[in-house]
Amino acid sequence: YADAALGKLVDSLTRALGSQRLCILATADHGEAFFEHGVQGHNANVHEEMVRIPLVIWAPQSGLGAGARVDAPVSLLDVLPTLVELCDLGELPPRSRGSSLLPLLASSPARADRPIFLSSRYRDDPAKVQRAVRLGPHKYLVRDGAGTLYDLAADPEETRDLAADLPAVTSELRELLERWSAEARLESTHAPSAPRS
C-alpha cells in the first residue's frame, strides 16, 4: 500500500513539475516491534526491528544509476548532508552531523569501518535509555548498564550475546559508545536554549 501511495505521489509531482526538478527521499523515523525482544510498539529499544528502516532516494537529475542498492548501514544523520549535496544547496548548517551518501551510492564501498550510533528511550521512563553502536557486523547494545554483543551477519535476530566470547570486540565497541555518549552529553549541556515566546 505504501509503495502504491508513494508511486501516485511521484506520478502527480512528475506530471506537475517534470522529473528533472524532483528529488524525493522517503524514510521513516523508526521501525516497529512485534514482541521480537519482549516489546510491542516503537521507541522502546534499539534492536534491529526498531532501527532498520527504509531509505529510498529518487533523483533523476543526479546521474546516479537507477535501482542501486546499498547494504552498508547508514544513519538518519546522513539525510541532510545527502540532500544538501544532491540538490546543490550550498553549505551545511553549523554543527551538522552525518555525511553525504552520494559517494556510497556512486561506488557502493563496504564502509564497514564507520560506526553507527543508536539511542532510544522509554516514553514513560526517560531514565531507561538504550544505546548501541554498530561497526561492521557487530553491534554492542547497552540497557540498564548491561552490555550485549551481537554478530548481525550470523545472528540478524539478535538472539545470542557474544560479549563473553569476543572480549576484544566488546571492549572496542564499549569504548566507542562511551566516548560518543560523553560527547553527546557535553554537547547537550552547551546547546543554546530556544527563545521563549
Protein backbone atom coordinates (compact mmCIF):
# COMPACT_ATOMS: atom_id res chain seq x y z
CA TYR A 1 0.00 0.00 0.00
CA ALA A 2 2.78 2.42 0.95
CA ASP A 3 4.60 1.70 -2.35
CA ALA A 4 1.41 2.34 -4.33
CA ALA A 5 0.68 5.59 -2.46
CA LEU A 6 4.24 6.83 -2.96
CA GLY A 7 4.02 5.90 -6.64
CA LYS A 8 0.88 8.03 -7.03
CA LEU A 9 2.61 10.96 -5.35
CA VAL A 10 5.68 10.68 -7.61
CA ASP A 11 3.48 10.42 -10.72
CA SER A 12 1.49 13.51 -9.72
CA LEU A 13 4.61 15.55 -8.97
CA THR A 14 6.30 14.42 -12.18
CA ARG A 15 3.27 15.48 -14.25
CA ALA A 16 3.12 18.84 -12.47
CA LEU A 17 6.83 19.72 -12.30
CA GLY A 18 8.74 17.39 -14.59
CA SER A 19 11.13 14.75 -13.29
CA GLN A 20 14.27 16.88 -13.74
CA ARG A 21 13.13 19.22 -10.95
CA LEU A 22 12.39 16.49 -8.42
CA CYS A 23 14.37 14.87 -5.67
CA ILE A 24 12.39 12.59 -3.39
CA LEU A 25 13.73 10.90 -0.30
CA ALA A 26 11.50 8.51 1.62
CA THR A 27 12.41 7.10 5.01
CA ALA A 28 11.00 6.55 8.50
CA ASP A 29 11.95 7.64 11.99
CA HIS A 30 11.68 4.13 13.48
CA GLY A 31 10.64 0.57 12.84
CA GLU A 32 8.04 -1.41 14.73
CA ALA A 33 8.44 -4.22 17.26
CA PHE A 34 6.13 -7.22 17.42
CA PHE A 35 7.49 -8.90 20.58
CA GLU A 36 10.84 -9.91 19.00
CA HIS A 37 12.56 -8.75 22.19
CA GLY A 38 9.59 -8.61 24.53
CA VAL A 39 8.29 -5.26 23.29
CA GLN A 40 5.36 -4.33 21.08
CA GLY A 41 5.28 -0.88 19.51
CA HIS A 42 8.15 1.51 18.95
CA ASN A 43 10.69 3.86 20.56
CA ALA A 44 11.43 1.31 23.26
CA ASN A 45 14.72 -0.25 22.18
CA VAL A 46 17.48 -0.21 19.59
CA HIS A 47 17.18 -3.77 18.33
CA GLU A 48 17.11 -4.24 14.56
CA GLU A 49 13.31 -4.39 14.27
CA MET A 50 13.24 -0.85 15.65
CA VAL A 51 16.18 0.74 13.82
CA ARG A 52 16.36 -0.99 10.43
CA ILE A 53 14.25 1.28 8.27
CA PRO A 54 13.93 2.05 4.55
CA LEU A 55 15.80 4.90 2.91
CA VAL A 56 14.88 5.42 -0.75
CA ILE A 57 16.18 8.23 -2.94
CA TRP A 58 14.70 9.12 -6.33
CA ALA A 59 16.59 11.86 -8.15
CA PRO A 60 16.55 11.52 -11.95
CA GLN A 61 18.71 14.62 -12.44
CA SER A 62 21.52 13.25 -10.23
CA GLY A 63 23.07 10.85 -12.71
CA LEU A 64 23.04 8.09 -10.11
CA GLY A 65 22.13 4.73 -11.54
CA ALA A 66 18.55 3.59 -11.10
CA GLY A 67 17.98 0.58 -8.90
CA ALA A 68 21.26 0.84 -6.99
CA ARG A 69 21.11 -0.89 -3.63
CA VAL A 70 23.45 -0.28 -0.70
CA ASP A 71 23.68 -2.81 2.08
CA ALA A 72 26.05 -0.80 4.29
CA PRO A 73 24.35 0.67 7.38
CA VAL A 74 23.84 4.42 7.35
CA SER A 75 22.32 6.93 9.74
CA LEU A 76 19.38 9.32 9.54
CA LEU A 77 22.02 11.96 10.32
CA ASP A 78 23.22 11.37 6.74
CA VAL A 79 19.93 12.54 5.20
CA LEU A 80 20.58 16.29 5.47
CA PRO A 81 24.15 16.21 4.06
CA THR A 82 22.95 13.94 1.25
CA LEU A 83 20.12 16.29 0.26
CA VAL A 84 22.35 19.36 0.51
CA GLU A 85 24.87 17.81 -1.88
CA LEU A 86 22.32 16.16 -4.16
CA CYS A 87 20.28 19.34 -4.61
CA ASP A 88 23.33 21.66 -4.62
CA LEU A 89 22.03 23.67 -1.67
CA GLY A 90 25.38 25.12 -0.60
CA GLU A 91 26.98 24.71 2.79
CA LEU A 92 25.68 22.53 5.59
CA PRO A 93 24.36 24.31 8.68
CA PRO A 94 26.88 24.62 11.54
CA ARG A 95 27.17 21.59 13.84
CA SER A 96 25.62 19.27 11.27
CA ARG A 97 26.45 15.64 11.72
CA GLY A 98 26.45 12.77 9.29
CA SER A 99 27.94 12.62 5.83
CA SER A 100 26.60 12.63 2.31
CA LEU A 101 25.67 9.23 0.97
CA LEU A 102 26.39 10.17 -2.65
CA PRO A 103 29.90 8.63 -2.68
CA LEU A 104 28.41 5.45 -1.23
CA LEU A 105 25.62 5.42 -3.84
CA ALA A 106 28.08 6.03 -6.67
CA SER A 107 30.50 3.24 -5.86
CA SER A 108 28.99 1.08 -3.07
CA PRO A 109 32.14 0.57 -1.00
CA ALA A 110 31.73 -1.53 2.13
CA ARG A 111 32.26 1.34 4.65
CA ALA A 112 32.48 -1.30 7.38
CA ASP A 113 34.86 0.93 9.33
CA ARG A 114 32.26 3.60 10.09
CA PRO A 115 30.49 3.27 13.44
CA ILE A 116 26.74 3.89 13.52
CA PHE A 117 25.35 5.05 16.88
CA LEU A 118 21.79 4.42 18.06
CA SER A 119 19.74 5.52 21.04
CA SER A 120 16.19 5.27 22.27
CA ARG A 121 14.28 5.69 25.49
CA TYR A 122 11.03 4.65 27.01
CA ARG A 123 8.39 7.36 26.89
CA ASP A 124 7.16 6.56 30.38
CA ASP A 125 10.66 6.49 31.88
CA PRO A 126 13.35 8.62 30.19
CA ALA A 127 15.94 7.14 32.57
CA LYS A 128 15.69 3.81 30.71
CA VAL A 129 17.87 4.89 27.81
CA GLN A 130 19.08 2.21 25.46
CA ARG A 131 22.19 2.87 23.37
CA ALA A 132 24.09 0.88 20.80
CA VAL A 133 26.92 1.12 18.32
CA ARG A 134 27.24 -0.89 15.15
CA LEU A 135 30.61 -1.42 13.50
CA GLY A 136 30.93 -3.91 10.67
CA PRO A 137 28.86 -6.99 11.50
CA HIS A 138 28.95 -6.36 15.25
CA LYS A 139 26.51 -4.44 17.38
CA TYR A 140 27.10 -3.59 21.02
CA LEU A 141 23.95 -2.66 22.96
CA VAL A 142 23.64 -1.24 26.49
CA ARG A 143 20.45 -1.28 28.53
CA ASP A 144 20.21 -0.64 32.26
CA GLY A 145 24.02 -0.68 32.45
CA ALA A 146 24.37 -4.17 30.97
CA GLY A 147 26.06 -4.65 27.61
CA THR A 148 25.41 -7.32 24.99
CA LEU A 149 27.25 -8.01 21.74
CA TYR A 150 25.68 -9.41 18.59
CA ASP A 151 27.06 -10.55 15.23
CA LEU A 152 24.34 -9.31 12.87
CA ALA A 153 25.74 -11.24 9.91
CA ALA A 154 25.41 -14.58 11.72
CA ASP A 155 22.54 -13.64 14.04
CA PRO A 156 20.32 -10.94 12.46
CA GLU A 157 17.58 -11.61 15.05
CA GLU A 158 19.97 -10.63 17.89
CA THR A 159 19.37 -13.76 19.96
CA ARG A 160 22.92 -14.75 21.02
CA ASP A 161 25.04 -12.50 23.24
CA LEU A 162 28.70 -12.84 22.24
CA ALA A 163 30.18 -10.38 24.77
CA ALA A 164 31.94 -13.11 26.76
CA ASP A 165 33.13 -14.90 23.61
CA LEU A 166 34.60 -11.78 21.94
CA PRO A 167 36.05 -9.62 24.73
CA ALA A 168 38.30 -7.54 22.43
CA VAL A 169 35.40 -6.58 20.14
CA THR A 170 33.18 -5.92 23.15
CA SER A 171 35.81 -3.64 24.71
CA GLU A 172 36.40 -1.71 21.48
CA LEU A 173 32.70 -1.09 20.89
CA ARG A 174 32.04 -0.26 24.56
CA GLU A 175 34.76 2.42 24.42
CA LEU A 176 33.34 3.87 21.18
CA LEU A 177 29.85 4.02 22.68
CA GLU A 178 31.04 5.56 25.95
CA ARG A 179 33.03 8.24 24.10
CA TRP A 180 30.02 9.05 21.85
CA SER A 181 27.67 9.20 24.85
CA ALA A 182 30.02 11.53 26.74
CA GLU A 183 30.33 13.83 23.70
CA ALA A 184 26.54 13.89 23.27
CA ARG A 185 26.03 14.80 26.94
CA LEU A 186 28.64 17.55 26.71
CA GLU A 187 27.10 18.92 23.52
CA SER A 188 23.60 18.94 25.03
CA THR A 189 24.80 20.97 28.03
CA HIS A 190 26.33 23.57 25.69
CA ALA A 191 23.42 23.75 23.26
CA PRO A 192 21.72 27.16 23.12
CA SER A 193 18.27 27.37 24.67
CA ALA A 194 15.27 28.01 22.45
CA PRO A 195 13.94 31.56 22.73
CA ARG A 196 10.83 31.91 24.86
CA SER A 197 7.76 33.47 23.33
